[in-house]
Amino acid sequence: MSSEQELLTKWRSLPQDKQEEVLDFVEFLGLKKSANKIPLRERLQQIRTRIIASGKDLLDEDEIEKELASRRGGLQDREE
């Protein structure tokens, strides 16, 4: 059995949500490989399009700030 056939057989045995994760990972690898060839703006637009297509909500400005703050060590008071 070729590696392509083996991969397809294993992929088919996964539940639907896991199949989608595999597809996302394969897309990620493709983007990673071509990352130096595609301008950042276009790559970000592709990511945004995929998020919207998945049905997930985009973060608003406050949610982005909270996410950044949490990744930088915690929430901090903002001047408004």
Protein backbone atom coordinates (compact mmCIF):
# COMPACT_ATOMS: atom_id res chain seq x y z
CA MET A 1 0.00 0.00 0.00
CA SER A 2 1.41 3.42 -0.94
CA SER A 3 1.72 6.11 1.69
CA GLU A 4 -1.03 8.06 -0.10
CA GLN A 5 -3.41 5.10 0.13
CA GLU A 6 -2.44 4.47 3.75
CA LEU A 7 -3.09 8.11 4.63
CA LEU A 8 -6.48 8.08 2.91
CA THR A 9 -7.48 4.84 4.66
CA LYS A 10 -6.54 6.24 8.06
CA TRP A 11 -8.22 9.59 7.30
CA ARG A 12 -11.48 7.85 6.35
CA SER A 13 -11.51 6.02 9.68
CA LEU A 14 -11.52 9.30 11.62
CA PRO A 15 -14.66 11.09 12.82
CA GLN A 16 -15.73 14.10 10.73
CA ASP A 17 -14.30 16.70 13.13
CA LYS A 18 -10.90 14.99 13.12
CA GLN A 19 -10.95 14.76 9.32
CA GLU A 20 -11.45 18.52 9.24
CA GLU A 21 -8.51 19.00 11.63
CA VAL A 22 -6.31 16.94 9.32
CA LEU A 23 -7.38 19.06 6.34
CA ASP A 24 -6.65 22.24 8.29
CA PHE A 25 -3.21 20.91 9.18
CA VAL A 26 -2.46 20.01 5.56
CA GLU A 27 -3.52 23.52 4.51
CA PHE A 28 -1.28 24.94 7.23
CA LEU A 29 1.68 22.94 5.94
CA GLY A 30 0.99 24.19 2.43
CA LEU A 31 0.82 27.78 3.62
CA LYS A 32 3.94 27.33 5.71
CA LYS A 33 5.81 26.00 2.66
CA SER A 34 4.69 28.91 0.51
CA ALA A 35 4.79 31.52 3.28
CA ASN A 36 7.83 33.23 1.85
CA LYS A 37 6.22 33.46 -1.58
CA ILE A 38 2.88 35.01 -0.59
CA PRO A 39 2.78 38.56 0.81
CA LEU A 40 1.71 38.81 4.44
CA ARG A 41 -1.43 40.80 3.59
CA GLU A 42 -2.62 38.05 1.26
CA ARG A 43 -1.82 35.30 3.79
CA LEU A 44 -3.78 37.14 6.48
CA GLN A 45 -6.72 37.58 4.10
CA GLN A 46 -6.65 33.83 3.38
CA ILE A 47 -6.69 33.06 7.12
CA ARG A 48 -9.58 35.50 7.67
CA THR A 49 -11.53 33.93 4.80
CA ARG A 50 -11.03 30.43 6.23
CA ILE A 51 -12.17 31.56 9.70
CA ILE A 52 -15.32 33.15 8.28
CA ALA A 53 -16.02 30.08 6.15
CA SER A 54 -15.72 27.88 9.25
CA GLY A 55 -18.56 29.80 10.89
CA LYS A 56 -16.42 31.08 13.74
CA ASP A 57 -16.82 34.70 14.80
CA LEU A 58 -13.96 37.12 14.31
CA LEU A 59 -12.66 38.90 17.40
CA ASP A 60 -13.64 42.53 17.92
CA GLU A 61 -11.09 45.15 19.00
CA ASP A 62 -11.65 44.61 22.74
CA GLU A 63 -11.37 40.83 22.38
CA ILE A 64 -8.11 41.24 20.45
CA GLU A 65 -6.68 43.46 23.18
CA LYS A 66 -7.70 40.97 25.87
CA GLU A 67 -6.13 38.10 23.91
CA LEU A 68 -2.89 40.02 23.45
CA ALA A 69 -2.79 41.03 27.10
CA SER A 70 -3.37 37.47 28.28
CA ARG A 71 -0.54 36.22 26.06
CA ARG A 72 1.74 38.94 27.38
CA GLY A 73 1.27 38.05 31.00
CA GLY A 74 -2.15 39.22 32.04
CA LEU A 75 -4.77 41.86 31.61
CA GLN A 76 -3.73 45.40 32.35
CA ASP A 77 -5.73 48.59 32.79
CA ARG A 78 -6.25 50.40 29.54
CA GLU A 79 -6.44 54.12 29.10
CA GLU A 80 -9.61 55.02 27.26
